[in-house]
Each structure stands twice: as C-alpha cells, then as structure tokens.
Amino acid sequence: MLELGSYDKQRRYDKQGQRWHFVRWYVSGDEHKPYEEQPYELFFRNDDRTEHGLLRFEHRRDNPYRDYAMVVNKIMNDIEFRKSLLDPETAGVWLNSWK
C-alpha cells in the first residue's frame, strides 16, 4: 500500500487574512482500482495551529466540489462548513516535513 502526502506550497489566505495550509493525501492499495474509486483526503490547518481538520470521501467520485480551488476556498471561508470538518487528531499529519 502506497501512502503519499502532497503539501500545497501556494500561500493561501482567508477573507480575514489568516493563512491556511493544505495537504492532499493519496492512498493507493489496489492499482487496478479506477481513479474515481480511490479515497480522497484533504488535511488542513491554520497558521496558528489551533484548527486542524480533514475532508474525506471514500471515493473521489463522491466529491461534490468542482475543483481543488473551490474546496480550499470553502474550507477557508465557510466557518460552519470548516467546523464540521475539524479533527484535532489530524495534527499529527503536520509533523512530517513537506519541503
């Protein structure tokens, strides 16, 4: 099983000027599984490290958002949506060195 994290190096700020960080996580356990059938995970945190969360779909095809930029903007700027995704246990993901 292959697990790989990809840090988004673009500086992203919400409407209040707070910086956010994102990591797309890829898990590939079955090479024969179509791309749309694979899980989708997007970890996020704010610059202060006070909010950590995860947006996860069992299958990529279940992701209702148009593209990556749209989901990132929704996480940063829709507070109620973001609160539903908060998961302090995901803080451990950020111990990796992404550079």
PDB file of N, CA and C in Angstrom:
ATOM      1  N   MET A   1       0.851  -1.180   0.000  1.00  0.00           N
ATOM      2  CA  MET A   1       0.000   0.000   0.000  1.00  0.00           C
ATOM      3  C   MET A   1       0.894   1.239   0.000  1.00  0.00           C
ATOM      4  N   LEU A   2       0.601   2.149  -0.892  1.00  0.00           N
ATOM      5  CA  LEU A   2       1.365   3.383  -1.022  1.00  0.00           C
ATOM      6  C   LEU A   2       0.571   4.535  -0.418  1.00  0.00           C
ATOM      7  N   GLU A   3       1.202   5.278   0.492  1.00  0.00           N
ATOM      8  CA  GLU A   3       0.598   6.478   1.069  1.00  0.00           C
ATOM      9  C   GLU A   3       1.543   7.632   0.810  1.00  0.00           C
ATOM     10  N   LEU A   4       0.989   8.709   0.301  1.00  0.00           N
ATOM     11  CA  LEU A   4       1.806   9.852  -0.088  1.00  0.00           C
ATOM     12  C   LEU A   4       1.065  11.141   0.217  1.00  0.00           C
ATOM     13  N   GLY A   5       1.752  12.076   0.867  1.00  0.00           N
ATOM     14  CA  GLY A   5       1.177  13.387   1.142  1.00  0.00           C
ATOM     15  C   GLY A   5       1.803  14.432   0.239  1.00  0.00           C
ATOM     16  N   SER A   6       0.983  15.336  -0.269  1.00  0.00           N
ATOM     17  CA  SER A   6       1.464  16.397  -1.149  1.00  0.00           C
ATOM     18  C   SER A   6       1.048  17.748  -0.566  1.00  0.00           C
ATOM     19  N   TYR A   7       2.051  18.496  -0.078  1.00  0.00           N
ATOM     20  CA  TYR A   7       1.803  19.802   0.538  1.00  0.00           C
ATOM     21  C   TYR A   7       1.571  20.852  -0.543  1.00  0.00           C
ATOM     22  N   ASP A   8       0.527  21.642  -0.364  1.00  0.00           N
ATOM     23  CA  ASP A   8       0.219  22.738  -1.283  1.00  0.00           C
ATOM     24  C   ASP A   8       1.116  23.917  -0.904  1.00  0.00           C
ATOM     25  N   LYS A   9       2.080  24.238  -1.741  1.00  0.00           N
ATOM     26  CA  LYS A   9       3.057  25.289  -1.432  1.00  0.00           C
ATOM     27  C   LYS A   9       2.546  26.702  -1.689  1.00  0.00           C
ATOM     28  N   GLN A  10       1.409  26.824  -2.336  1.00  0.00           N
ATOM     29  CA  GLN A  10       0.854  28.154  -2.589  1.00  0.00           C
ATOM     30  C   GLN A  10       0.371  28.755  -1.272  1.00  0.00           C
ATOM     31  N   ARG A  11       0.704  30.018  -1.046  1.00  0.00           N
ATOM     32  CA  ARG A  11       0.237  30.712   0.163  1.00  0.00           C
ATOM     33  C   ARG A  11      -1.246  31.029  -0.011  1.00  0.00           C
ATOM     34  N   ARG A  12      -2.052  30.546   0.931  1.00  0.00           N
ATOM     35  CA  ARG A  12      -3.497  30.728   0.855  1.00  0.00           C
ATOM     36  C   ARG A  12      -3.990  31.446   2.104  1.00  0.00           C
ATOM     37  N   TYR A  13      -4.811  32.477   1.890  1.00  0.00           N
ATOM     38  CA  TYR A  13      -5.332  33.305   2.975  1.00  0.00           C
ATOM     39  C   TYR A  13      -6.848  33.377   2.883  1.00  0.00           C
ATOM     40  N   ASP A  14      -7.512  33.370   4.062  1.00  0.00           N
ATOM     41  CA  ASP A  14      -8.961  33.527   4.077  1.00  0.00           C
ATOM     42  C   ASP A  14      -9.315  35.010   4.010  1.00  0.00           C
ATOM     43  N   LYS A  15     -10.603  35.310   4.081  1.00  0.00           N
ATOM     44  CA  LYS A  15     -11.075  36.697   3.948  1.00  0.00           C
ATOM     45  C   LYS A  15     -10.593  37.593   5.090  1.00  0.00           C
ATOM     46  N   GLN A  16     -10.243  37.002   6.236  1.00  0.00           N
ATOM     47  CA  GLN A  16      -9.750  37.780   7.370  1.00  0.00           C
ATOM     48  C   GLN A  16      -8.230  37.920   7.357  1.00  0.00           C
ATOM     49  N   GLY A  17      -7.567  37.322   6.382  1.00  0.00           N
ATOM     50  CA  GLY A  17      -6.124  37.441   6.265  1.00  0.00           C
ATOM     51  C   GLY A  17      -5.339  36.345   6.974  1.00  0.00           C
ATOM     52  N   GLN A  18      -6.039  35.345   7.505  1.00  0.00           N
ATOM     53  CA  GLN A  18      -5.366  34.224   8.168  1.00  0.00           C
ATOM     54  C   GLN A  18      -4.836  33.241   7.123  1.00  0.00           C
ATOM     55  N   ARG A  19      -3.619  32.779   7.305  1.00  0.00           N
ATOM     56  CA  ARG A  19      -3.021  31.836   6.367  1.00  0.00           C
ATOM     57  C   ARG A  19      -3.458  30.412   6.699  1.00  0.00           C
ATOM     58  N   TRP A  20      -3.662  29.611   5.640  1.00  0.00           N
ATOM     59  CA  TRP A  20      -4.068  28.213   5.763  1.00  0.00           C
ATOM     60  C   TRP A  20      -3.120  27.319   4.996  1.00  0.00           C
ATOM     61  N   HIS A  21      -2.973  26.089   5.485  1.00  0.00           N
ATOM     62  CA  HIS A  21      -2.094  25.098   4.880  1.00  0.00           C
ATOM     63  C   HIS A  21      -2.912  23.853   4.534  1.00  0.00           C
ATOM     64  N   PHE A  22      -2.576  23.227   3.398  1.00  0.00           N
ATOM     65  CA  PHE A  22      -3.317  22.067   2.920  1.00  0.00           C
ATOM     66  C   PHE A  22      -2.374  20.973   2.459  1.00  0.00           C
ATOM     67  N   VAL A  23      -2.778  19.731   2.710  1.00  0.00           N
ATOM     68  CA  VAL A  23      -2.052  18.552   2.233  1.00  0.00           C
ATOM     69  C   VAL A  23      -3.062  17.597   1.623  1.00  0.00           C
ATOM     70  N   ARG A  24      -2.805  17.232   0.378  1.00  0.00           N
ATOM     71  CA  ARG A  24      -3.609  16.186  -0.264  1.00  0.00           C
ATOM     72  C   ARG A  24      -2.939  14.859   0.034  1.00  0.00           C
ATOM     73  N   TRP A  25      -3.724  13.914   0.526  1.00  0.00           N
ATOM     74  CA  TRP A  25      -3.189  12.621   0.912  1.00  0.00           C
ATOM     75  C   TRP A  25      -3.686  11.570  -0.063  1.00  0.00           C
ATOM     76  N   TYR A  26      -2.757  10.801  -0.582  1.00  0.00           N
ATOM     77  CA  TYR A  26      -3.077   9.760  -1.559  1.00  0.00           C
ATOM     78  C   TYR A  26      -2.807   8.395  -0.939  1.00  0.00           C
ATOM     79  N   VAL A  27      -3.784   7.506  -1.042  1.00  0.00           N
ATOM     80  CA  VAL A  27      -3.633   6.137  -0.579  1.00  0.00           C
ATOM     81  C   VAL A  27      -3.957   5.239  -1.755  1.00  0.00           C
ATOM     82  N   SER A  28      -3.003   4.439  -2.141  1.00  0.00           N
ATOM     83  CA  SER A  28      -3.208   3.545  -3.270  1.00  0.00           C
ATOM     84  C   SER A  28      -2.861   2.131  -2.833  1.00  0.00           C
ATOM     85  N   GLY A  29      -3.894   1.316  -2.613  1.00  0.00           N
ATOM     86  CA  GLY A  29      -3.665  -0.046  -2.190  1.00  0.00           C
ATOM     87  C   GLY A  29      -3.961  -1.049  -3.280  1.00  0.00           C
ATOM     88  N   ASP A  30      -4.700  -0.618  -4.280  1.00  0.00           N
ATOM     89  CA  ASP A  30      -5.093  -1.505  -5.372  1.00  0.00           C
ATOM     90  C   ASP A  30      -4.891  -0.770  -6.685  1.00  0.00           C
ATOM     91  N   GLU A  31      -3.845  -1.146  -7.417  1.00  0.00           N
ATOM     92  CA  GLU A  31      -3.525  -0.466  -8.673  1.00  0.00           C
ATOM     93  C   GLU A  31      -4.614  -0.655  -9.722  1.00  0.00           C
ATOM     94  N   HIS A  32      -5.451  -1.670  -9.534  1.00  0.00           N
ATOM     95  CA  HIS A  32      -6.497  -1.964 -10.513  1.00  0.00           C
ATOM     96  C   HIS A  32      -7.769  -1.163 -10.263  1.00  0.00           C
ATOM     97  N   LYS A  33      -7.800  -0.457  -9.157  1.00  0.00           N
ATOM     98  CA  LYS A  33      -8.976   0.345  -8.816  1.00  0.00           C
ATOM     99  C   LYS A  33      -8.939   1.637  -9.625  1.00  0.00           C
ATOM    100  N   PRO A  34     -10.026   1.983 -10.323  1.00  0.00           N
ATOM    101  CA  PRO A  34     -10.049   3.241 -11.088  1.00  0.00           C
ATOM    102  C   PRO A  34      -9.836   4.455 -10.177  1.00  0.00           C
ATOM    103  N   TYR A  35      -9.303   5.507 -10.757  1.00  0.00           N
ATOM    104  CA  TYR A  35      -9.013   6.748 -10.028  1.00  0.00           C
ATOM    105  C   TYR A  35     -10.239   7.243  -9.261  1.00  0.00           C
ATOM    106  N   GLU A  36     -11.421   7.204  -9.872  1.00  0.00           N
ATOM    107  CA  GLU A  36     -12.648   7.704  -9.259  1.00  0.00           C
ATOM    108  C   GLU A  36     -13.078   6.888  -8.045  1.00  0.00           C
ATOM    109  N   GLU A  37     -12.582   5.657  -7.947  1.00  0.00           N
ATOM    110  CA  GLU A  37     -12.948   4.763  -6.850  1.00  0.00           C
ATOM    111  C   GLU A  37     -12.005   4.893  -5.651  1.00  0.00           C
ATOM    112  N   GLN A  38     -10.903   5.598  -5.815  1.00  0.00           N
ATOM    113  CA  GLN A  38      -9.928   5.734  -4.742  1.00  0.00           C
ATOM    114  C   GLN A  38     -10.375   6.800  -3.741  1.00  0.00           C
ATOM    115  N   PRO A  39      -9.933   6.705  -2.480  1.00  0.00           N
ATOM    116  CA  PRO A  39     -10.319   7.707  -1.475  1.00  0.00           C
ATOM    117  C   PRO A  39      -9.705   9.083  -1.759  1.00  0.00           C
ATOM    118  N   TYR A  40     -10.375  10.119  -1.250  1.00  0.00           N
ATOM    119  CA  TYR A  40      -9.906  11.499  -1.387  1.00  0.00           C
ATOM    120  C   TYR A  40      -9.781  12.063   0.021  1.00  0.00           C
ATOM    121  N   GLU A  41      -8.587  12.536   0.384  1.00  0.00           N
ATOM    122  CA  GLU A  41      -8.371  13.131   1.692  1.00  0.00           C
ATOM    123  C   GLU A  41      -7.629  14.456   1.541  1.00  0.00           C
ATOM    124  N   LEU A  42      -8.152  15.453   2.208  1.00  0.00           N
ATOM    125  CA  LEU A  42      -7.529  16.776   2.202  1.00  0.00           C
ATOM    126  C   LEU A  42      -7.418  17.238   3.657  1.00  0.00           C
ATOM    127  N   PHE A  43      -6.188  17.305   4.153  1.00  0.00           N
ATOM    128  CA  PHE A  43      -5.927  17.777   5.507  1.00  0.00           C
ATOM    129  C   PHE A  43      -5.687  19.282   5.457  1.00  0.00           C
ATOM    130  N   PHE A  44      -6.085  19.964   6.517  1.00  0.00           N
ATOM    131  CA  PHE A  44      -5.870  21.411   6.565  1.00  0.00           C
ATOM    132  C   PHE A  44      -5.588  21.849   7.991  1.00  0.00           C
ATOM    133  N   ARG A  45      -4.938  23.014   8.081  1.00  0.00           N
ATOM    134  CA  ARG A  45      -4.704  23.661   9.381  1.00  0.00           C
ATOM    135  C   ARG A  45      -4.507  25.145   9.140  1.00  0.00           C
ATOM    136  N   ASN A  46      -4.732  25.924  10.200  1.00  0.00           N
ATOM    137  CA  ASN A  46      -4.428  27.348  10.099  1.00  0.00           C
ATOM    138  C   ASN A  46      -2.984  27.581  10.513  1.00  0.00           C
ATOM    139  N   ASP A  47      -2.495  28.768  10.263  1.00  0.00           N
ATOM    140  CA  ASP A  47      -1.094  29.089  10.531  1.00  0.00           C
ATOM    141  C   ASP A  47      -0.771  29.041  12.022  1.00  0.00           C
ATOM    142  N   ASP A  48      -1.768  29.325  12.860  1.00  0.00           N
ATOM    143  CA  ASP A  48      -1.568  29.312  14.316  1.00  0.00           C
ATOM    144  C   ASP A  48      -1.569  27.904  14.903  1.00  0.00           C
ATOM    145  N   ARG A  49      -1.922  26.920  14.085  1.00  0.00           N
ATOM    146  CA  ARG A  49      -2.032  25.521  14.512  1.00  0.00           C
ATOM    147  C   ARG A  49      -3.083  25.336  15.591  1.00  0.00           C
ATOM    148  N   THR A  50      -4.146  26.139  15.539  1.00  0.00           N
ATOM    149  CA  THR A  50      -5.241  25.998  16.505  1.00  0.00           C
ATOM    150  C   THR A  50      -6.421  25.252  15.898  1.00  0.00           C
ATOM    151  N   GLU A  51      -6.455  25.127  14.586  1.00  0.00           N
ATOM    152  CA  GLU A  51      -7.521  24.386  13.915  1.00  0.00           C
ATOM    153  C   GLU A  51      -6.896  23.384  12.950  1.00  0.00           C
ATOM    154  N   HIS A  52      -7.244  22.118  13.148  1.00  0.00           N
ATOM    155  CA  HIS A  52      -6.779  21.038  12.278  1.00  0.00           C
ATOM    156  C   HIS A  52      -8.011  20.280  11.810  1.00  0.00           C
ATOM    157  N   GLY A  53      -8.008  19.855  10.566  1.00  0.00           N
ATOM    158  CA  GLY A  53      -9.169  19.117  10.090  1.00  0.00           C
ATOM    159  C   GLY A  53      -8.885  18.272   8.873  1.00  0.00           C
ATOM    160  N   LEU A  54      -9.946  17.579   8.455  1.00  0.00           N
ATOM    161  CA  LEU A  54      -9.844  16.640   7.349  1.00  0.00           C
ATOM    162  C   LEU A  54     -11.158  16.598   6.588  1.00  0.00           C
ATOM    163  N   LEU A  55     -11.051  16.719   5.273  1.00  0.00           N
ATOM    164  CA  LEU A  55     -12.184  16.483   4.373  1.00  0.00           C
ATOM    165  C   LEU A  55     -11.885  15.159   3.686  1.00  0.00           C
ATOM    166  N   ARG A  56     -12.772  14.186   3.874  1.00  0.00           N
ATOM    167  CA  ARG A  56     -12.514  12.849   3.328  1.00  0.00           C
ATOM    168  C   ARG A  56     -13.751  12.317   2.623  1.00  0.00           C
ATOM    169  N   PHE A  57     -13.495  11.711   1.473  1.00  0.00           N
ATOM    170  CA  PHE A  57     -14.528  10.994   0.736  1.00  0.00           C
ATOM    171  C   PHE A  57     -14.007   9.591   0.478  1.00  0.00           C
ATOM    172  N   GLU A  58     -14.851   8.603   0.692  1.00  0.00           N
ATOM    173  CA  GLU A  58     -14.453   7.211   0.469  1.00  0.00           C
ATOM    174  C   GLU A  58     -14.053   6.972  -0.982  1.00  0.00           C
ATOM    175  N   HIS A  59     -14.736   7.669  -1.889  1.00  0.00           N
ATOM    176  CA  HIS A  59     -14.427   7.573  -3.323  1.00  0.00           C
ATOM    177  C   HIS A  59     -14.318   8.978  -3.895  1.00  0.00           C
ATOM    178  N   ARG A  60     -13.369   9.207  -4.762  1.00  0.00           N
ATOM    179  CA  ARG A  60     -13.190  10.525  -5.384  1.00  0.00           C
ATOM    180  C   ARG A  60     -14.462  10.989  -6.099  1.00  0.00           C
ATOM    181  N   ARG A  61     -15.190  10.070  -6.655  1.00  0.00           N
ATOM    182  CA  ARG A  61     -16.404  10.426  -7.396  1.00  0.00           C
ATOM    183  C   ARG A  61     -17.471  11.048  -6.489  1.00  0.00           C
ATOM    184  N   ASP A  62     -17.370  10.836  -5.174  1.00  0.00           N
ATOM    185  CA  ASP A  62     -18.344  11.378  -4.221  1.00  0.00           C
ATOM    186  C   ASP A  62     -18.083  12.842  -3.880  1.00  0.00           C
ATOM    187  N   ASN A  63     -16.959  13.383  -4.317  1.00  0.00           N
ATOM    188  CA  ASN A  63     -16.604  14.773  -4.033  1.00  0.00           C
ATOM    189  C   ASN A  63     -17.506  15.702  -4.868  1.00  0.00           C
ATOM    190  N   PRO A  64     -18.382  16.478  -4.221  1.00  0.00           N
ATOM    191  CA  PRO A  64     -19.326  17.317  -4.966  1.00  0.00           C
ATOM    192  C   PRO A  64     -18.736  18.655  -5.437  1.00  0.00           C
ATOM    193  N   TYR A  65     -17.487  18.926  -5.086  1.00  0.00           N
ATOM    194  CA  TYR A  65     -16.914  20.225  -5.410  1.00  0.00           C
ATOM    195  C   TYR A  65     -16.266  20.208  -6.781  1.00  0.00           C
ATOM    196  N   ARG A  66     -16.386  21.299  -7.475  1.00  0.00           N
ATOM    197  CA  ARG A  66     -15.955  21.425  -8.867  1.00  0.00           C
ATOM    198  C   ARG A  66     -14.467  21.149  -9.037  1.00  0.00           C
ATOM    199  N   ASP A  67     -13.655  21.741  -8.172  1.00  0.00           N
ATOM    200  CA  ASP A  67     -12.214  21.564  -8.296  1.00  0.00           C
ATOM    201  C   ASP A  67     -11.533  21.853  -6.961  1.00  0.00           C
ATOM    202  N   TYR A  68     -10.243  21.671  -6.944  1.00  0.00           N
ATOM    203  CA  TYR A  68      -9.451  21.841  -5.731  1.00  0.00           C
ATOM    204  C   TYR A  68      -9.570  23.261  -5.172  1.00  0.00           C
ATOM    205  N   ALA A  69      -9.463  24.263  -6.034  1.00  0.00           N
ATOM    206  CA  ALA A  69      -9.529  25.662  -5.576  1.00  0.00           C
ATOM    207  C   ALA A  69     -10.859  25.960  -4.890  1.00  0.00           C
ATOM    208  N   MET A  70     -11.927  25.396  -5.409  1.00  0.00           N
ATOM    209  CA  MET A  70     -13.244  25.644  -4.820  1.00  0.00           C
ATOM    210  C   MET A  70     -13.344  25.059  -3.407  1.00  0.00           C
ATOM    211  N   VAL A  71     -12.866  23.836  -3.227  1.00  0.00           N
ATOM    212  CA  VAL A  71     -12.957  23.215  -1.911  1.00  0.00           C
ATOM    213  C   VAL A  71     -12.036  23.914  -0.911  1.00  0.00           C
ATOM    214  N   VAL A  72     -10.876  24.353  -1.339  1.00  0.00           N
ATOM    215  CA  VAL A  72      -9.964  25.081  -0.453  1.00  0.00           C
ATOM    216  C   VAL A  72     -10.606  26.397  -0.009  1.00  0.00           C
ATOM    217  N   ASN A  73     -11.199  27.122  -0.920  1.00  0.00           N
ATOM    218  CA  ASN A  73     -11.867  28.379  -0.562  1.00  0.00           C
ATOM    219  C   ASN A  73     -13.044  28.137   0.373  1.00  0.00           C
ATOM    220  N   LYS A  74     -13.772  27.060   0.167  1.00  0.00           N
ATOM    221  CA  LYS A  74     -14.902  26.751   1.045  1.00  0.00           C
ATOM    222  C   LYS A  74     -14.403  26.449   2.461  1.00  0.00           C
ATOM    223  N   ILE A  75     -13.347  25.676   2.578  1.00  0.00           N
ATOM    224  CA  ILE A  75     -12.791  25.363   3.905  1.00  0.00           C
ATOM    225  C   ILE A  75     -12.310  26.633   4.599  1.00  0.00           C
ATOM    226  N   MET A  76     -11.617  27.493   3.883  1.00  0.00           N
ATOM    227  CA  MET A  76     -11.063  28.701   4.499  1.00  0.00           C
ATOM    228  C   MET A  76     -12.147  29.705   4.880  1.00  0.00           C
ATOM    229  N   ASN A  77     -13.171  29.871   4.064  1.00  0.00           N
ATOM    230  CA  ASN A  77     -14.093  30.993   4.236  1.00  0.00           C
ATOM    231  C   ASN A  77     -15.491  30.632   4.731  1.00  0.00           C
ATOM    232  N   ASP A  78     -15.859  29.358   4.758  1.00  0.00           N
ATOM    233  CA  ASP A  78     -17.166  28.944   5.269  1.00  0.00           C
ATOM    234  C   ASP A  78     -16.945  28.337   6.656  1.00  0.00           C
ATOM    235  N   ILE A  79     -17.101  29.159   7.675  1.00  0.00           N
ATOM    236  CA  ILE A  79     -16.768  28.760   9.042  1.00  0.00           C
ATOM    237  C   ILE A  79     -17.591  27.562   9.501  1.00  0.00           C
ATOM    238  N   GLU A  80     -18.877  27.547   9.217  1.00  0.00           N
ATOM    239  CA  GLU A  80     -19.733  26.428   9.633  1.00  0.00           C
ATOM    240  C   GLU A  80     -19.299  25.133   8.959  1.00  0.00           C
ATOM    241  N   PHE A  81     -18.979  25.197   7.682  1.00  0.00           N
ATOM    242  CA  PHE A  81     -18.502  24.026   6.958  1.00  0.00           C
ATOM    243  C   PHE A  81     -17.199  23.535   7.568  1.00  0.00           C
ATOM    244  N   ARG A  82     -16.276  24.449   7.822  1.00  0.00           N
ATOM    245  CA  ARG A  82     -14.982  24.095   8.396  1.00  0.00           C
ATOM    246  C   ARG A  82     -15.143  23.463   9.773  1.00  0.00           C
ATOM    247  N   LYS A  83     -16.047  23.999  10.595  1.00  0.00           N
ATOM    248  CA  LYS A  83     -16.260  23.443  11.937  1.00  0.00           C
ATOM    249  C   LYS A  83     -16.695  21.985  11.868  1.00  0.00           C
ATOM    250  N   SER A  84     -17.452  21.633  10.828  1.00  0.00           N
ATOM    251  CA  SER A  84     -17.911  20.247  10.697  1.00  0.00           C
ATOM    252  C   SER A  84     -16.775  19.295  10.331  1.00  0.00           C
ATOM    253  N   LEU A  85     -15.655  19.831   9.896  1.00  0.00           N
ATOM    254  CA  LEU A  85     -14.512  19.013   9.475  1.00  0.00           C
ATOM    255  C   LEU A  85     -13.370  18.985  10.483  1.00  0.00           C
ATOM    256  N   LEU A  86     -13.460  19.795  11.531  1.00  0.00           N
ATOM    257  CA  LEU A  86     -12.365  19.887  12.497  1.00  0.00           C
ATOM    258  C   LEU A  86     -12.123  18.543  13.178  1.00  0.00           C
ATOM    259  N   ASP A  87     -10.861  18.186  13.281  1.00  0.00           N
ATOM    260  CA  ASP A  87     -10.457  16.931  13.898  1.00  0.00           C
ATOM    261  C   ASP A  87      -9.064  17.125  14.487  1.00  0.00           C
ATOM    262  N   PRO A  88      -8.967  17.435  15.783  1.00  0.00           N
ATOM    263  CA  PRO A  88      -7.664  17.696  16.402  1.00  0.00           C
ATOM    264  C   PRO A  88      -6.684  16.534  16.265  1.00  0.00           C
ATOM    265  N   GLU A  89      -7.191  15.316  16.083  1.00  0.00           N
ATOM    266  CA  GLU A  89      -6.307  14.153  15.956  1.00  0.00           C
ATOM    267  C   GLU A  89      -5.486  14.190  14.667  1.00  0.00           C
ATOM    268  N   THR A  90      -5.875  15.024  13.721  1.00  0.00           N
ATOM    269  CA  THR A  90      -5.120  15.117  12.468  1.00  0.00           C
ATOM    270  C   THR A  90      -3.875  15.982  12.614  1.00  0.00           C
ATOM    271  N   ALA A  91      -3.647  16.550  13.774  1.00  0.00           N
ATOM    272  CA  ALA A  91      -2.467  17.403  13.990  1.00  0.00           C
ATOM    273  C   ALA A  91      -1.176  16.630  13.733  1.00  0.00           C
ATOM    274  N   GLY A  92      -1.196  15.328  13.934  1.00  0.00           N
ATOM    275  CA  GLY A  92      -0.012  14.509  13.732  1.00  0.00           C
ATOM    276  C   GLY A  92       0.470  14.491  12.287  1.00  0.00           C
ATOM    277  N   VAL A  93      -0.402  14.727  11.354  1.00  0.00           N
ATOM    278  CA  VAL A  93      -0.027  14.759   9.943  1.00  0.00           C
ATOM    279  C   VAL A  93       0.991  15.865   9.698  1.00  0.00           C
ATOM    280  N   TRP A  94       0.883  16.931  10.452  1.00  0.00           N
ATOM    281  CA  TRP A  94       1.729  18.110  10.235  1.00  0.00           C
ATOM    282  C   TRP A  94       3.107  17.978  10.843  1.00  0.00           C
ATOM    283  N   LEU A  95       3.414  16.830  11.456  1.00  0.00           N
ATOM    284  CA  LEU A  95       4.752  16.592  11.983  1.00  0.00           C
ATOM    285  C   LEU A  95       5.722  16.213  10.865  1.00  0.00           C
ATOM    286  N   ASN A  96       5.183  15.837   9.703  1.00  0.00           N
ATOM    287  CA  ASN A  96       6.022  15.500   8.544  1.00  0.00           C
ATOM    288  C   ASN A  96       6.699  16.747   8.002  1.00  0.00           C
ATOM    289  N   SER A  97       7.807  16.558   7.350  1.00  0.00           N
ATOM    290  CA  SER A  97       8.480  17.657   6.676  1.00  0.00           C
ATOM    291  C   SER A  97       8.029  17.646   5.224  1.00  0.00           C
ATOM    292  N   TRP A  98       7.363  18.696   4.778  1.00  0.00           N
ATOM    293  CA  TRP A  98       6.783  18.734   3.435  1.00  0.00           C
ATOM    294  C   TRP A  98       7.693  19.440   2.448  1.00  0.00           C
ATOM    295  N   LYS A  99       8.792  19.976   2.872  1.00  0.00           N
ATOM    296  CA  LYS A  99       9.626  20.767   1.958  1.00  0.00           C
ATOM    297  C   LYS A  99      10.633  19.929   1.258  1.00  0.00           C
TER     298      LYS A  99
END
